C-alpha atoms as a PDB file:
ATOM      1  CA  UNK A   1      31.306 -32.335 -17.426  1.00  0.00           C
ATOM      2  CA  UNK A   2      27.801 -33.010 -18.710  1.00  0.00           C
ATOM      3  CA  UNK A   3      27.234 -31.618 -22.215  1.00  0.00           C
ATOM      4  CA  UNK A   4      24.914 -32.227 -25.160  1.00  0.00           C
ATOM      5  CA  UNK A   5      25.585 -34.671 -27.948  1.00  0.00           C
ATOM      6  CA  UNK A   6      25.488 -31.807 -30.428  1.00  0.00           C
ATOM      7  CA  UNK A   7      28.388 -30.044 -28.701  1.00  0.00           C
ATOM      8  CA  UNK A   8      30.524 -33.164 -28.888  1.00  0.00           C
ATOM      9  CA  UNK A   9      29.726 -34.042 -32.475  1.00  0.00           C
ATOM     10  CA  UNK A  10      30.180 -30.574 -33.913  1.00  0.00           C
ATOM     11  CA  UNK A  11      33.710 -30.549 -32.477  1.00  0.00           C
ATOM     12  CA  UNK A  12      34.342 -34.038 -33.886  1.00  0.00           C
ATOM     13  CA  UNK A  13      32.975 -33.049 -37.281  1.00  0.00           C
ATOM     14  CA  UNK A  14      35.152 -29.945 -37.397  1.00  0.00           C
ATOM     15  CA  UNK A  15      38.340 -31.754 -36.371  1.00  0.00           C
ATOM     16  CA  UNK A  16      37.845 -35.005 -38.262  1.00  0.00           C
ATOM     17  CA  UNK A  17      37.490 -37.587 -35.503  1.00  0.00           C
ATOM     18  CA  UNK A  18      34.583 -39.580 -34.090  1.00  0.00           C
ATOM     19  CA  UNK A  19      33.104 -39.693 -30.602  1.00  0.00           C
ATOM     20  CA  UNK A  20      32.477 -43.155 -29.208  1.00  0.00           C
ATOM     21  CA  UNK A  21      28.944 -43.810 -27.956  1.00  0.00           C
ATOM     22  CA  UNK A  22      28.944 -46.772 -25.586  1.00  0.00           C
ATOM     23  CA  UNK A  23      25.853 -48.469 -24.187  1.00  0.00           C
ATOM     24  CA  UNK A  24      25.430 -48.635 -20.422  1.00  0.00           C
ATOM     25  CA  UNK A  25      23.438 -51.075 -18.297  1.00  0.00           C
ATOM     26  CA  UNK A  26      25.068 -51.029 -14.857  1.00  0.00           C
ATOM     27  CA  UNK A  27      27.622 -49.255 -12.667  1.00  0.00           C
ATOM     28  CA  UNK A  28      30.652 -51.261 -13.813  1.00  0.00           C
ATOM     29  CA  UNK A  29      30.029 -50.453 -17.467  1.00  0.00           C
ATOM     30  CA  UNK A  30      29.688 -46.752 -16.684  1.00  0.00           C
ATOM     31  CA  UNK A  31      32.885 -46.783 -14.635  1.00  0.00           C
ATOM     32  CA  UNK A  32      34.806 -48.619 -17.345  1.00  0.00           C
ATOM     33  CA  UNK A  33      33.775 -46.106 -20.013  1.00  0.00           C
ATOM     34  CA  UNK A  34      34.526 -43.038 -17.908  1.00  0.00           C
ATOM     35  CA  UNK A  35      37.874 -44.431 -16.714  1.00  0.00           C
ATOM     36  CA  UNK A  36      38.840 -45.080 -20.337  1.00  0.00           C
ATOM     37  CA  UNK A  37      37.736 -41.602 -21.406  1.00  0.00           C
ATOM     38  CA  UNK A  38      39.681 -39.901 -18.633  1.00  0.00           C
ATOM     39  CA  UNK A  39      42.822 -41.957 -19.206  1.00  0.00           C
ATOM     40  CA  UNK A  40      42.803 -41.126 -22.926  1.00  0.00           C
ATOM     41  CA  UNK A  41      41.409 -37.589 -22.492  1.00  0.00           C
ATOM     42  CA  UNK A  42      38.552 -38.433 -24.860  1.00  0.00           C
ATOM     43  CA  UNK A  43      35.066 -36.934 -25.094  1.00  0.00           C
ATOM     44  CA  UNK A  44      32.481 -39.693 -24.789  1.00  0.00           C
ATOM     45  CA  UNK A  45      28.784 -40.498 -25.000  1.00  0.00           C
ATOM     46  CA  UNK A  46      27.111 -42.707 -22.424  1.00  0.00           C
ATOM     47  CA  UNK A  47      24.012 -44.068 -24.080  1.00  0.00           C
ATOM     48  CA  UNK A  48      21.148 -46.164 -22.759  1.00  0.00           C
ATOM     49  CA  UNK A  49      18.851 -48.201 -24.944  1.00  0.00           C
ATOM     50  CA  UNK A  50      15.212 -48.780 -24.086  1.00  0.00           C
ATOM     51  CA  UNK A  51      16.215 -52.298 -23.068  1.00  0.00           C
ATOM     52  CA  UNK A  52      18.919 -50.969 -20.775  1.00  0.00           C
ATOM     53  CA  UNK A  53      16.476 -48.549 -19.194  1.00  0.00           C
ATOM     54  CA  UNK A  54      13.946 -51.330 -18.687  1.00  0.00           C
ATOM     55  CA  UNK A  55      16.597 -53.495 -17.027  1.00  0.00           C
ATOM     56  CA  UNK A  56      18.081 -50.915 -14.646  1.00  0.00           C
ATOM     57  CA  UNK A  57      15.228 -48.419 -14.342  1.00  0.00           C
ATOM     58  CA  UNK A  58      15.267 -44.843 -15.586  1.00  0.00           C
ATOM     59  CA  UNK A  59      16.137 -43.438 -12.156  1.00  0.00           C
ATOM     60  CA  UNK A  60      19.203 -45.655 -11.787  1.00  0.00           C
ATOM     61  CA  UNK A  61      20.424 -45.186 -15.357  1.00  0.00           C
ATOM     62  CA  UNK A  62      19.945 -41.405 -15.250  1.00  0.00           C
ATOM     63  CA  UNK A  63      21.605 -41.085 -11.843  1.00  0.00           C
ATOM     64  CA  UNK A  64      24.575 -43.228 -12.858  1.00  0.00           C
ATOM     65  CA  UNK A  65      25.070 -41.356 -16.118  1.00  0.00           C
ATOM     66  CA  UNK A  66      24.662 -37.861 -14.717  1.00  0.00           C
ATOM     67  CA  UNK A  67      26.868 -38.522 -11.679  1.00  0.00           C
ATOM     68  CA  UNK A  68      29.620 -39.983 -13.843  1.00  0.00           C
ATOM     69  CA  UNK A  69      29.416 -37.142 -16.358  1.00  0.00           C
ATOM     70  CA  UNK A  70      29.418 -34.341 -13.798  1.00  0.00           C
ATOM     71  CA  UNK A  71      32.435 -35.778 -12.012  1.00  0.00           C
ATOM     72  CA  UNK A  72      34.350 -36.613 -15.186  1.00  0.00           C
ATOM     73  CA  UNK A  73      37.394 -34.652 -16.299  1.00  0.00           C
ATOM     74  CA  UNK A  74      36.243 -34.907 -19.909  1.00  0.00           C
ATOM     75  CA  UNK A  75      33.021 -33.826 -21.662  1.00  0.00           C
ATOM     76  CA  UNK A  76      30.294 -36.467 -21.490  1.00  0.00           C
ATOM     77  CA  UNK A  77      26.818 -36.615 -23.028  1.00  0.00           C
ATOM     78  CA  UNK A  78      23.993 -38.800 -21.708  1.00  0.00           C
ATOM     79  CA  UNK A  79      22.059 -40.111 -24.695  1.00  0.00           C
ATOM     80  CA  UNK A  80      18.970 -42.240 -25.359  1.00  0.00           C
ATOM     81  CA  UNK A  81      19.812 -44.862 -27.969  1.00  0.00           C
ATOM     82  CA  UNK A  82      17.084 -46.037 -30.372  1.00  0.00           C
ATOM     83  CA  UNK A  83      14.122 -44.382 -28.740  1.00  0.00           C
ATOM     84  CA  UNK A  84      11.109 -45.635 -30.662  1.00  0.00           C
ATOM     85  CA  UNK A  85       8.397 -44.266 -28.413  1.00  0.00           C
ATOM     86  CA  UNK A  86       7.608 -40.576 -27.922  1.00  0.00           C
ATOM     87  CA  UNK A  87       6.775 -41.091 -24.245  1.00  0.00           C
ATOM     88  CA  UNK A  88      10.122 -42.845 -23.671  1.00  0.00           C
ATOM     89  CA  UNK A  89      11.954 -39.908 -25.213  1.00  0.00           C
ATOM     90  CA  UNK A  90      10.076 -37.444 -23.013  1.00  0.00           C
ATOM     91  CA  UNK A  91      10.815 -39.570 -19.926  1.00  0.00           C
ATOM     92  CA  UNK A  92      14.534 -39.429 -20.641  1.00  0.00           C
ATOM     93  CA  UNK A  93      14.433 -35.680 -21.177  1.00  0.00           C
ATOM     94  CA  UNK A  94      12.642 -35.237 -17.836  1.00  0.00           C
ATOM     95  CA  UNK A  95      15.345 -37.286 -16.127  1.00  0.00           C
ATOM     96  CA  UNK A  96      18.181 -35.141 -17.428  1.00  0.00           C
ATOM     97  CA  UNK A  97      19.384 -36.825 -20.604  1.00  0.00           C
ATOM     98  CA  UNK A  98      21.217 -34.233 -22.696  1.00  0.00           C
ATOM     99  CA  UNK A  99      20.660 -36.021 -25.986  1.00  0.00           C
ATOM    100  CA  UNK A 100      18.017 -38.371 -27.411  1.00  0.00           C
ATOM    101  CA  UNK A 101      17.525 -40.516 -30.471  1.00  0.00           C
ATOM    102  CA  UNK A 102      14.126 -40.907 -32.029  1.00  0.00           C
ATOM    103  CA  UNK A 103      14.160 -43.899 -34.358  1.00  0.00           C
ATOM    104  CA  UNK A 104      11.292 -43.642 -36.812  1.00  0.00           C
ATOM    105  CA  UNK A 105      13.087 -45.672 -39.479  1.00  0.00           C
ATOM    106  CA  UNK A 106      10.312 -48.277 -39.404  1.00  0.00           C
ATOM    107  CA  UNK A 107       7.934 -45.696 -40.888  1.00  0.00           C
ATOM    108  CA  UNK A 108       7.692 -44.502 -44.501  1.00  0.00           C
ATOM    109  CA  UNK A 109       9.614 -41.289 -45.125  1.00  0.00           C
ATOM    110  CA  UNK A 110       6.683 -38.902 -44.621  1.00  0.00           C
ATOM    111  CA  UNK A 111       5.726 -40.489 -41.285  1.00  0.00           C
ATOM    112  CA  UNK A 112       9.335 -40.607 -40.132  1.00  0.00           C
ATOM    113  CA  UNK A 113       9.664 -36.890 -40.825  1.00  0.00           C
ATOM    114  CA  UNK A 114       6.463 -36.050 -38.943  1.00  0.00           C
ATOM    115  CA  UNK A 115       7.327 -38.285 -35.984  1.00  0.00           C
ATOM    116  CA  UNK A 116      10.850 -36.878 -35.742  1.00  0.00           C
ATOM    117  CA  UNK A 117       9.695 -33.249 -35.988  1.00  0.00           C
ATOM    118  CA  UNK A 118       7.418 -33.822 -32.999  1.00  0.00           C
ATOM    119  CA  UNK A 119      10.394 -34.868 -30.869  1.00  0.00           C
ATOM    120  CA  UNK A 120      12.676 -32.119 -32.171  1.00  0.00           C
ATOM    121  CA  UNK A 121      10.136 -29.436 -31.273  1.00  0.00           C
ATOM    122  CA  UNK A 122      10.050 -30.502 -27.630  1.00  0.00           C
ATOM    123  CA  UNK A 123      13.710 -31.473 -27.196  1.00  0.00           C
ATOM    124  CA  UNK A 124      15.215 -28.333 -28.675  1.00  0.00           C
ATOM    125  CA  UNK A 125      12.969 -26.165 -26.519  1.00  0.00           C
ATOM    126  CA  UNK A 126      14.817 -27.516 -23.463  1.00  0.00           C
ATOM    127  CA  UNK A 127      18.298 -27.643 -24.977  1.00  0.00           C
ATOM    128  CA  UNK A 128      18.437 -31.386 -25.694  1.00  0.00           C
ATOM    129  CA  UNK A 129      20.043 -32.532 -28.941  1.00  0.00           C
ATOM    130  CA  UNK A 130      18.308 -35.002 -31.257  1.00  0.00           C
ATOM    131  CA  UNK A 131      19.556 -37.907 -33.366  1.00  0.00           C
ATOM    132  CA  UNK A 132      17.330 -39.646 -35.905  1.00  0.00           C
ATOM    133  CA  UNK A 133      17.718 -42.554 -38.306  1.00  0.00           C
ATOM    134  CA  UNK A 134      16.980 -42.915 -41.990  1.00  0.00           C
ATOM    135  CA  UNK A 135      17.212 -46.289 -43.689  1.00  0.00           C
ATOM    136  CA  UNK A 136      16.975 -49.597 -41.830  1.00  0.00           C
ATOM    137  CA  UNK A 137      20.023 -51.088 -40.112  1.00  0.00           C
ATOM    138  CA  UNK A 138      19.893 -54.871 -39.942  1.00  0.00           C
ATOM    139  CA  UNK A 139      20.307 -57.052 -36.866  1.00  0.00           C
ATOM    140  CA  UNK A 140      18.946 -56.871 -33.333  1.00  0.00           C
ATOM    141  CA  UNK A 141      19.284 -54.026 -30.831  1.00  0.00           C
ATOM    142  CA  UNK A 142      17.512 -55.147 -27.644  1.00  0.00           C
ATOM    143  CA  UNK A 143      13.863 -55.591 -28.712  1.00  0.00           C
ATOM    144  CA  UNK A 144      14.322 -54.010 -32.174  1.00  0.00           C
ATOM    145  CA  UNK A 145      14.994 -56.539 -34.939  1.00  0.00           C
ATOM    146  CA  UNK A 146      15.428 -55.845 -38.643  1.00  0.00           C
ATOM    147  CA  UNK A 147      15.886 -58.919 -40.823  1.00  0.00           C
ATOM    148  CA  UNK A 148      18.622 -58.791 -43.446  1.00  0.00           C
ATOM    149  CA  UNK A 149      16.079 -58.850 -46.270  1.00  0.00           C
ATOM    150  CA  UNK A 150      14.346 -55.795 -44.777  1.00  0.00           C
ATOM    151  CA  UNK A 151      17.480 -53.703 -44.252  1.00  0.00           C
ATOM    152  CA  UNK A 152      17.656 -50.722 -46.601  1.00  0.00           C
ATOM    153  CA  UNK A 153      20.502 -48.297 -47.237  1.00  0.00           C
ATOM    154  CA  UNK A 154      19.982 -44.581 -46.709  1.00  0.00           C
ATOM    155  CA  UNK A 155      19.087 -42.660 -49.843  1.00  0.00           C
ATOM    156  CA  UNK A 156      21.228 -39.467 -50.055  1.00  0.00           C
ATOM    157  CA  UNK A 157      18.470 -37.287 -51.523  1.00  0.00           C
ATOM    158  CA  UNK A 158      15.984 -38.474 -48.914  1.00  0.00           C
ATOM    159  CA  UNK A 159      18.585 -37.758 -46.231  1.00  0.00           C
ATOM    160  CA  UNK A 160      18.903 -34.159 -47.386  1.00  0.00           C
ATOM    161  CA  UNK A 161      15.156 -33.670 -47.349  1.00  0.00           C
ATOM    162  CA  UNK A 162      14.842 -35.405 -43.986  1.00  0.00           C
ATOM    163  CA  UNK A 163      17.435 -33.199 -42.288  1.00  0.00           C
ATOM    164  CA  UNK A 164      16.085 -29.999 -43.809  1.00  0.00           C
ATOM    165  CA  UNK A 165      12.500 -30.730 -42.768  1.00  0.00           C
ATOM    166  CA  UNK A 166      13.172 -32.103 -39.264  1.00  0.00           C
ATOM    167  CA  UNK A 167      16.048 -29.850 -38.096  1.00  0.00           C
ATOM    168  CA  UNK A 168      17.734 -32.770 -36.301  1.00  0.00           C
ATOM    169  CA  UNK A 169      21.262 -32.375 -34.911  1.00  0.00           C
ATOM    170  CA  UNK A 170      22.815 -35.601 -36.247  1.00  0.00           C
ATOM    171  CA  UNK A 171      21.717 -38.463 -38.474  1.00  0.00           C
ATOM    172  CA  UNK A 172      22.252 -42.232 -38.235  1.00  0.00           C
ATOM    173  CA  UNK A 173      22.644 -43.710 -41.700  1.00  0.00           C
ATOM    174  CA  UNK A 174      22.373 -47.285 -42.972  1.00  0.00           C
ATOM    175  CA  UNK A 175      25.474 -48.076 -45.044  1.00  0.00           C
ATOM    176  CA  UNK A 176      26.149 -51.769 -44.467  1.00  0.00           C
ATOM    177  CA  UNK A 177      26.633 -52.219 -40.726  1.00  0.00           C
ATOM    178  CA  UNK A 178      24.337 -54.326 -38.525  1.00  0.00           C
ATOM    179  CA  UNK A 179      23.501 -54.662 -34.849  1.00  0.00           C
ATOM    180  CA  UNK A 180      24.803 -57.701 -32.984  1.00  0.00           C
ATOM    181  CA  UNK A 181      27.535 -60.193 -33.871  1.00  0.00           C
ATOM    182  CA  UNK A 182      28.582 -60.364 -37.535  1.00  0.00           C
ATOM    183  CA  UNK A 183      28.611 -63.769 -39.218  1.00  0.00           C
ATOM    184  CA  UNK A 184      30.943 -62.485 -41.915  1.00  0.00           C
ATOM    185  CA  UNK A 185      32.899 -59.342 -42.725  1.00  0.00           C
ATOM    186  CA  UNK A 186      30.608 -56.314 -43.009  1.00  0.00           C
ATOM    187  CA  UNK A 187      30.815 -54.463 -46.315  1.00  0.00           C
ATOM    188  CA  UNK A 188      30.433 -50.719 -45.796  1.00  0.00           C
ATOM    189  CA  UNK A 189      29.258 -48.522 -48.662  1.00  0.00           C
ATOM    190  CA  UNK A 190      31.958 -45.877 -48.401  1.00  0.00           C
ATOM    191  CA  UNK A 191      30.806 -44.046 -51.532  1.00  0.00           C
ATOM    192  CA  UNK A 192      27.363 -43.625 -49.961  1.00  0.00           C
ATOM    193  CA  UNK A 193      28.905 -42.219 -46.762  1.00  0.00           C
ATOM    194  CA  UNK A 194      30.892 -39.696 -48.779  1.00  0.00           C
ATOM    195  CA  UNK A 195      27.886 -38.665 -50.877  1.00  0.00           C
ATOM    196  CA  UNK A 196      25.658 -38.137 -47.840  1.00  0.00           C
ATOM    197  CA  UNK A 197      28.384 -36.246 -45.970  1.00  0.00           C
ATOM    198  CA  UNK A 198      28.848 -33.907 -48.951  1.00  0.00           C
ATOM    199  CA  UNK A 199      25.115 -33.181 -49.085  1.00  0.00           C
ATOM    200  CA  UNK A 200      24.494 -32.617 -45.379  1.00  0.00           C
ATOM    201  CA  UNK A 201      25.872 -30.193 -42.815  1.00  0.00           C
ATOM    202  CA  UNK A 202      24.930 -32.243 -39.729  1.00  0.00           C
ATOM    203  CA  UNK A 203      27.261 -34.905 -38.242  1.00  0.00           C
ATOM    204  CA  UNK A 204      26.678 -38.515 -39.290  1.00  0.00           C
ATOM    205  CA  UNK A 205      26.336 -41.575 -37.045  1.00  0.00           C
ATOM    206  CA  UNK A 206      27.407 -45.181 -37.626  1.00  0.00           C
ATOM    207  CA  UNK A 207      25.412 -47.803 -35.718  1.00  0.00           C
ATOM    208  CA  UNK A 208      26.286 -51.493 -35.389  1.00  0.00           C
ATOM    209  CA  UNK A 209      30.018 -50.838 -35.331  1.00  0.00           C
ATOM    210  CA  UNK A 210      31.151 -53.652 -33.042  1.00  0.00           C
ATOM    211  CA  UNK A 211      33.061 -56.120 -35.197  1.00  0.00           C
ATOM    212  CA  UNK A 212      33.711 -53.687 -38.043  1.00  0.00           C
ATOM    213  CA  UNK A 213      37.431 -53.797 -38.998  1.00  0.00           C
ATOM    214  CA  UNK A 214      39.504 -50.940 -37.595  1.00  0.00           C
ATOM    215  CA  UNK A 215      40.595 -49.704 -41.009  1.00  0.00           C
ATOM    216  CA  UNK A 216      36.990 -49.556 -42.195  1.00  0.00           C
ATOM    217  CA  UNK A 217      36.028 -47.453 -39.180  1.00  0.00           C
ATOM    218  CA  UNK A 218      38.939 -45.092 -39.831  1.00  0.00           C
ATOM    219  CA  UNK A 219      37.930 -44.729 -43.466  1.00  0.00           C
ATOM    220  CA  UNK A 220      34.312 -44.059 -42.498  1.00  0.00           C
ATOM    221  CA  UNK A 221      35.494 -41.326 -40.120  1.00  0.00           C
ATOM    222  CA  UNK A 222      37.640 -39.765 -42.837  1.00  0.00           C
ATOM    223  CA  UNK A 223      34.541 -39.594 -45.042  1.00  0.00           C
ATOM    224  CA  UNK A 224      32.324 -37.868 -42.482  1.00  0.00           C
ATOM    225  CA  UNK A 225      31.242 -40.198 -39.644  1.00  0.00           C
ATOM    226  CA  UNK A 226      31.364 -38.316 -36.325  1.00  0.00           C
ATOM    227  CA  UNK A 227      29.651 -40.710 -33.870  1.00  0.00           C
ATOM    228  CA  UNK A 228      30.252 -44.449 -33.640  1.00  0.00           C
ATOM    229  CA  UNK A 229      28.055 -46.747 -31.542  1.00  0.00           C
ATOM    230  CA  UNK A 230      29.581 -49.680 -29.667  1.00  0.00           C
ATOM    231  CA  UNK A 231      27.627 -52.183 -27.574  1.00  0.00           C
ATOM    232  CA  UNK A 232      28.305 -55.824 -28.511  1.00  0.00           C
ATOM    233  CA  UNK A 233      32.083 -55.528 -28.025  1.00  0.00           C
ATOM    234  CA  UNK A 234      31.506 -54.276 -24.481  1.00  0.00           C
ATOM    235  CA  UNK A 235      29.111 -57.128 -23.709  1.00  0.00           C
ATOM    236  CA  UNK A 236      31.631 -59.681 -24.976  1.00  0.00           C
ATOM    237  CA  UNK A 237      34.422 -58.135 -22.897  1.00  0.00           C
ATOM    238  CA  UNK A 238      32.179 -58.176 -19.814  1.00  0.00           C
ATOM    239  CA  UNK A 239      31.219 -61.815 -20.303  1.00  0.00           C
ATOM    240  CA  UNK A 240      34.787 -62.918 -20.983  1.00  0.00           C
ATOM    241  CA  UNK A 241      36.059 -61.065 -17.909  1.00  0.00           C
ATOM    242  CA  UNK A 242      33.564 -62.838 -15.664  1.00  0.00           C
ATOM    243  CA  UNK A 243      34.133 -66.254 -17.246  1.00  0.00           C
ATOM    244  CA  UNK A 244      37.926 -65.990 -17.071  1.00  0.00           C
ATOM    245  CA  UNK A 245      37.845 -65.019 -13.405  1.00  0.00           C
ATOM    246  CA  UNK A 246      35.442 -67.788 -12.398  1.00  0.00           C
ATOM    247  CA  UNK A 247      37.441 -70.347 -14.343  1.00  0.00           C
ATOM    248  CA  UNK A 248      40.468 -69.462 -12.225  1.00  0.00           C
ATOM    249  CA  UNK A 249      38.538 -69.042  -8.965  1.00  0.00           C
ATOM    250  CA  UNK A 250      35.228 -70.941  -9.288  1.00  0.00           C
ATOM    251  CA  UNK A 251      34.437 -70.857  -5.557  1.00  0.00           C
ATOM    252  CA  UNK A 252      34.643 -67.077  -5.229  1.00  0.00           C
ATOM    253  CA  UNK A 253      31.293 -65.444  -4.446  1.00  0.00           C
ATOM    254  CA  UNK A 254      32.367 -61.823  -3.921  1.00  0.00           C
ATOM    255  CA  UNK A 255      30.659 -59.753  -6.671  1.00  0.00           C
ATOM    256  CA  UNK A 256      33.313 -57.071  -6.357  1.00  0.00           C
ATOM    257  CA  UNK A 257      36.070 -59.540  -7.202  1.00  0.00           C
ATOM    258  CA  UNK A 258      34.011 -61.172  -9.949  1.00  0.00           C
ATOM    259  CA  UNK A 259      32.974 -57.913 -11.628  1.00  0.00           C
ATOM    260  CA  UNK A 260      36.290 -56.103 -11.169  1.00  0.00           C
ATOM    261  CA  UNK A 261      38.061 -58.039 -13.958  1.00  0.00           C
ATOM    262  CA  UNK A 262      35.031 -57.556 -16.202  1.00  0.00           C
ATOM    263  CA  UNK A 263      35.225 -53.806 -15.649  1.00  0.00           C
ATOM    264  CA  UNK A 264      38.933 -53.822 -16.478  1.00  0.00           C
ATOM    265  CA  UNK A 265      38.298 -55.812 -19.671  1.00  0.00           C
ATOM    266  CA  UNK A 266      35.619 -53.371 -20.787  1.00  0.00           C
ATOM    267  CA  UNK A 267      37.890 -50.409 -20.085  1.00  0.00           C
ATOM    268  CA  UNK A 268      40.577 -51.859 -22.352  1.00  0.00           C
ATOM    269  CA  UNK A 269      38.100 -52.343 -25.199  1.00  0.00           C
ATOM    270  CA  UNK A 270      36.780 -48.794 -24.852  1.00  0.00           C
ATOM    271  CA  UNK A 271      40.303 -47.366 -24.839  1.00  0.00           C
ATOM    272  CA  UNK A 272      41.137 -49.331 -27.993  1.00  0.00           C
ATOM    273  CA  UNK A 273      38.079 -47.883 -29.709  1.00  0.00           C
ATOM    274  CA  UNK A 274      38.959 -44.342 -28.660  1.00  0.00           C
ATOM    275  CA  UNK A 275      42.377 -44.680 -30.291  1.00  0.00           C
ATOM    276  CA  UNK A 276      40.754 -46.008 -33.473  1.00  0.00           C
ATOM    277  CA  UNK A 277      38.196 -43.183 -33.487  1.00  0.00           C
ATOM    278  CA  UNK A 278      40.890 -40.514 -33.134  1.00  0.00           C
ATOM    279  CA  UNK A 279      39.254 -39.003 -30.028  1.00  0.00           C
ATOM    280  CA  UNK A 280      42.339 -39.327 -27.806  1.00  0.00           C
ATOM    281  CA  UNK A 281      43.426 -35.956 -26.401  1.00  0.00           C
ATOM    282  CA  UNK A 282      40.309 -34.289 -27.804  1.00  0.00           C
ATOM    283  CA  UNK A 283      38.765 -33.869 -24.339  1.00  0.00           C
ATOM    284  CA  UNK A 284      38.703 -30.065 -24.376  1.00  0.00           C
ATOM    285  CA  UNK A 285      41.477 -29.686 -21.764  1.00  0.00           C
END
């Protein structure tokens, strides 16, 4: 069933688990995520970045996501990940996304608040939930790059003001994770997560979670994280599935046989994450 991100995250926040938000770029990725969600009876978020939308086209991405969600036996939200452009956000809303992220973290606080409020006003009028970001998460997410020296952790007091003034539904916070592949072990600021969670009533989001140790993710969830974004781990599973198949059968040219193992590999990764996040058997059955 197709639902909003807010519906999913309020349930997760209340019950102490996290909903996995997995980035989609093509049919096989969508199928892998939905198959994993149904097999584990987990709520799930299908999310498309601006890069993913540019690659597949908004019509294809929206149709894939909405078709999968409406036919799924578990609740599914279709979410825009890291929307940095107001027009892009509006385009996704017009194409049936049930949740959007407006990322104004590149702006000073006052501008971020104003930019986010503009999106919230339109989105909430049509029943679409809104995620925003405060602080700067390092690494690269498609075309968005934040150098390590420019990454800044979320200030708890600013977070409280930001949420109160924007009326967003959930907030992505910068607490030590990064987009892309980690070169070392990420060091999460668990005390900061706990402080922000105590101050705010809205669910919190952890970006850049691929490669974060399982125990760290579980601890972050116990402290108040309700949405966890995963992209890089899926890409790696996809690539490894294709490479392993072609190594065994290099002359095969059937895309169905080449992509089938990649889909299966991605499904296994997603299922592993759902067990870590505690979302198994939380699918509202």
